[in-house]
Amino acid sequence: MKKIAICGGIGSGKSTVCQMFAERGAAIYDSDSRAKALMHESAELRAALIAEFGEECYADGALNRPYLAEKVFGSEEQLARLNSIVHPAVKADFLAWAEEQEGDFCILETAILFESGFDAVVDASVAVLAPMPLRVERAMKRDNATKEQIEARIKAQMSDDELMRRADFAIVNIHLEDVEKDVAELAYRFKMMTNE
């Protein structure tokens, strides 16, 4: 079973590409939603977060996201500490999940493949790219956010140039019919990799 990462910045269309792979039978692991779930479900992770950031991390048994965001926002050091707690838990969860999947390959969907070190646990990576104005428009619509908010989030992420340099493959997500062709081609290639 090959493990393939689909990465890309906000508004690039990672989820659309993952959906197309899912339609071809690939199981998809959404690292963002799993990280959120693990912060709720894992007693070990909960204890580590409380030890690092205080009891206020959880309110009424649920993760206090605004509090945690406030703690780490604008502080690279605090964000790095949060990531050093959450990323290993997500990585272990992904690897356990991948062991249970069937088929030729499974997909890890992540916005921070290289920043998190998850590139070390996959067999290949695909960067999903799109022009900046299109990314901003998509993300504004999806997140009900302002242009300035989205641009600030994009600025905080790895650039498309850097992603393209580091990923094994790239898909430019502008026209869906072109993306469909690229996904079909890559799905075939990943299937062949598995059988090598």
Protein backbone atom coordinates (compact mmCIF):
# COMPACT_ATOMS: atom_id res chain seq x y z
CA MET A 1 0.00 0.00 0.00
CA LYS A 2 1.59 3.25 -1.14
CA LYS A 3 1.00 6.39 0.92
CA ILE A 4 0.50 9.51 -1.18
CA ALA A 5 0.33 13.05 0.22
CA ILE A 6 -1.84 15.72 -1.35
CA CYS A 7 -0.61 19.13 -0.17
CA GLY A 8 -1.26 22.74 -1.02
CA GLY A 9 -2.09 26.07 0.51
CA ILE A 10 -5.46 27.51 1.45
CA GLY A 11 -7.86 27.76 -1.50
CA SER A 12 -5.69 25.61 -3.79
CA GLY A 13 -8.36 22.91 -4.02
CA LYS A 14 -6.75 20.00 -2.13
CA SER A 15 -10.15 18.69 -1.06
CA THR A 16 -11.44 18.74 -4.66
CA VAL A 17 -8.42 16.73 -5.81
CA CYS A 18 -8.79 14.31 -2.87
CA GLN A 19 -12.48 13.85 -3.75
CA MET A 20 -11.46 12.86 -7.29
CA PHE A 21 -9.01 10.29 -5.91
CA ALA A 22 -11.75 9.02 -3.58
CA GLU A 23 -14.02 8.53 -6.60
CA ARG A 24 -11.29 6.26 -7.97
CA GLY A 25 -11.37 4.17 -4.80
CA ALA A 26 -8.59 5.75 -2.72
CA ALA A 27 -9.13 6.12 1.02
CA ILE A 28 -8.53 9.70 2.23
CA TYR A 29 -7.04 10.76 5.57
CA ASP A 30 -7.85 14.42 6.31
CA SER A 31 -5.05 15.42 8.69
CA ASP A 32 -6.72 18.70 9.71
CA SER A 33 -10.00 17.15 10.86
CA ARG A 34 -8.17 14.20 12.46
CA ALA A 35 -5.90 16.59 14.42
CA LYS A 36 -9.00 18.35 15.77
CA ALA A 37 -10.63 15.00 16.63
CA LEU A 38 -7.48 13.71 18.35
CA MET A 39 -7.25 16.85 20.49
CA HIS A 40 -10.74 15.95 21.73
CA GLU A 41 -10.43 12.14 21.92
CA SER A 42 -6.87 11.39 23.01
CA ALA A 43 -6.36 11.50 26.79
CA GLU A 44 -2.60 11.54 26.22
CA LEU A 45 -2.77 14.51 23.85
CA ARG A 46 -5.19 16.33 26.16
CA ALA A 47 -2.82 15.88 29.12
CA ALA A 48 0.16 17.13 27.09
CA LEU A 49 -1.74 20.23 25.91
CA ILE A 50 -2.90 21.06 29.43
CA ALA A 51 0.64 20.58 30.79
CA GLU A 52 2.02 22.94 28.15
CA PHE A 53 -0.72 25.57 27.83
CA GLY A 54 -2.78 25.30 31.03
CA GLU A 55 -6.16 23.95 32.17
CA GLU A 56 -7.92 26.63 30.10
CA CYS A 57 -7.12 24.58 26.96
CA TYR A 58 -10.33 22.70 27.63
CA ALA A 59 -13.66 24.19 28.65
CA ASP A 60 -16.61 21.95 29.58
CA GLY A 61 -14.65 18.92 28.35
CA ALA A 62 -14.12 20.38 24.86
CA LEU A 63 -11.03 21.92 23.30
CA ASN A 64 -11.05 25.69 23.88
CA ARG A 65 -9.91 26.64 20.37
CA PRO A 66 -10.12 30.45 20.81
CA TYR A 67 -7.93 30.24 23.94
CA LEU A 68 -5.37 28.00 22.24
CA ALA A 69 -5.35 30.16 19.10
CA GLU A 70 -4.74 33.24 21.23
CA LYS A 71 -1.86 31.47 23.03
CA VAL A 72 -0.02 30.54 19.83
CA PHE A 73 -1.06 33.37 17.47
CA GLY A 74 1.89 35.57 16.58
CA SER A 75 4.39 33.47 18.54
CA GLU A 76 6.51 31.12 16.45
CA GLU A 77 7.90 29.56 19.61
CA GLN A 78 4.45 28.77 21.07
CA LEU A 79 3.20 27.49 17.70
CA ALA A 80 6.27 25.24 17.42
CA ARG A 81 5.53 23.87 20.90
CA LEU A 82 1.91 23.16 19.95
CA ASN A 83 3.02 21.44 16.73
CA SER A 84 5.63 19.36 18.58
CA ILE A 85 2.77 17.92 20.66
CA VAL A 86 0.10 17.52 17.96
CA HIS A 87 2.11 16.44 14.88
CA PRO A 88 3.58 13.21 16.32
CA ALA A 89 0.07 12.15 17.47
CA VAL A 90 -1.39 12.81 14.00
CA LYS A 91 1.53 11.03 12.31
CA ALA A 92 1.05 7.93 14.49
CA ASP A 93 -2.71 8.04 13.87
CA PHE A 94 -2.19 8.29 10.09
CA LEU A 95 0.27 5.38 10.00
CA ALA A 96 -2.11 3.18 12.05
CA TRP A 97 -5.00 4.19 9.76
CA ALA A 98 -2.95 3.48 6.59
CA GLU A 99 -2.20 -0.06 7.84
CA GLU A 100 -5.94 -0.80 7.86
CA GLN A 101 -6.67 0.45 4.34
CA GLU A 102 -7.08 -1.73 1.29
CA GLY A 103 -6.22 -0.98 -2.32
CA ASP A 104 -3.11 0.15 -4.14
CA PHE A 105 -2.65 3.49 -2.39
CA CYS A 106 -4.17 5.79 0.20
CA ILE A 107 -4.09 9.57 0.47
CA LEU A 108 -2.92 11.91 3.21
CA GLU A 109 -4.50 15.35 2.78
CA THR A 110 -2.45 18.06 4.50
CA ALA A 111 -1.73 21.77 4.20
CA ILE A 112 1.63 21.43 5.96
CA LEU A 113 3.30 18.32 4.54
CA PHE A 114 6.90 19.56 4.64
CA GLU A 115 6.54 21.84 7.67
CA SER A 116 5.20 18.93 9.76
CA GLY A 117 7.77 16.40 8.57
CA PHE A 118 4.98 14.15 7.25
CA ASP A 119 6.84 13.94 3.93
CA ALA A 120 9.09 11.38 5.67
CA VAL A 121 6.21 8.88 6.02
CA VAL A 122 4.76 9.01 2.48
CA ASP A 123 5.96 7.42 -0.75
CA ALA A 124 5.12 10.39 -3.01
CA SER A 125 3.67 13.88 -2.78
CA VAL A 126 1.41 15.94 -5.03
CA ALA A 127 1.26 19.73 -4.70
CA VAL A 128 -2.07 21.29 -5.66
CA LEU A 129 -1.50 24.79 -7.04
CA ALA A 130 -3.73 27.62 -8.23
CA PRO A 131 -3.29 31.31 -9.10
CA MET A 132 -3.40 33.60 -6.07
CA PRO A 133 -6.57 35.56 -7.02
CA LEU A 134 -8.47 32.28 -7.50
CA ARG A 135 -7.22 30.91 -4.16
CA VAL A 136 -8.28 34.09 -2.36
CA GLU A 137 -11.72 34.04 -4.01
CA ARG A 138 -12.31 30.36 -3.17
CA ALA A 139 -11.18 30.71 0.45
CA MET A 140 -13.20 33.90 1.03
CA LYS A 141 -16.32 32.11 -0.20
CA ARG A 142 -15.66 28.92 1.76
CA ASP A 143 -14.58 30.50 5.06
CA ASN A 144 -16.77 33.61 4.89
CA ALA A 145 -13.58 35.63 5.48
CA THR A 146 -12.20 38.93 4.20
CA LYS A 147 -9.61 39.24 1.44
CA GLU A 148 -7.10 40.55 4.02
CA GLN A 149 -7.67 37.58 6.37
CA ILE A 150 -7.13 35.06 3.55
CA GLU A 151 -4.06 36.86 2.21
CA ALA A 152 -2.53 36.86 5.71
CA ARG A 153 -3.13 33.09 5.99
CA ILE A 154 -1.62 32.49 2.54
CA LYS A 155 1.44 34.58 3.49
CA ALA A 156 1.95 32.38 6.56
CA GLN A 157 2.04 29.21 4.42
CA MET A 158 4.76 27.76 2.21
CA SER A 159 4.82 29.41 -1.23
CA ASP A 160 3.62 27.58 -4.34
CA ASP A 161 7.14 27.86 -5.79
CA GLU A 162 8.61 26.10 -2.78
CA LEU A 163 5.86 23.46 -2.80
CA MET A 164 6.47 22.77 -6.48
CA ARG A 165 10.20 22.44 -5.87
CA ARG A 166 9.75 19.94 -3.04
CA ALA A 167 6.76 17.84 -4.17
CA ASP A 168 7.12 14.89 -6.54
CA PHE A 169 4.16 15.91 -8.72
CA ALA A 170 2.01 19.02 -9.21
CA ILE A 171 -1.59 19.60 -10.27
CA VAL A 172 -2.68 23.08 -11.35
CA ASN A 173 -6.28 23.44 -10.23
CA ILE A 174 -7.98 25.96 -12.51
CA HIS A 175 -10.23 23.96 -14.86
CA LEU A 176 -11.87 20.84 -13.41
CA GLU A 177 -11.63 18.83 -16.65
CA ASP A 178 -7.83 19.31 -16.66
CA VAL A 179 -7.64 18.33 -12.99
CA GLU A 180 -9.70 15.19 -13.73
CA LYS A 181 -7.17 14.17 -16.41
CA ASP A 182 -4.21 14.81 -14.09
CA VAL A 183 -5.82 12.80 -11.26
CA ALA A 184 -6.60 9.88 -13.61
CA GLU A 185 -2.99 9.88 -14.83
CA LEU A 186 -1.54 10.02 -11.32
CA ALA A 187 -3.94 7.36 -9.99
CA TYR A 188 -2.68 5.04 -12.74
CA ARG A 189 0.94 5.89 -11.93
CA PHE A 190 0.44 5.27 -8.19
CA LYS A 191 -1.22 1.94 -8.97
CA MET A 192 1.82 0.99 -11.07
CA MET A 193 4.18 2.05 -8.25
CA THR A 194 2.38 -0.36 -5.92
CA ASN A 195 2.82 -3.24 -8.35
CA GLU A 196 6.53 -2.62 -8.98
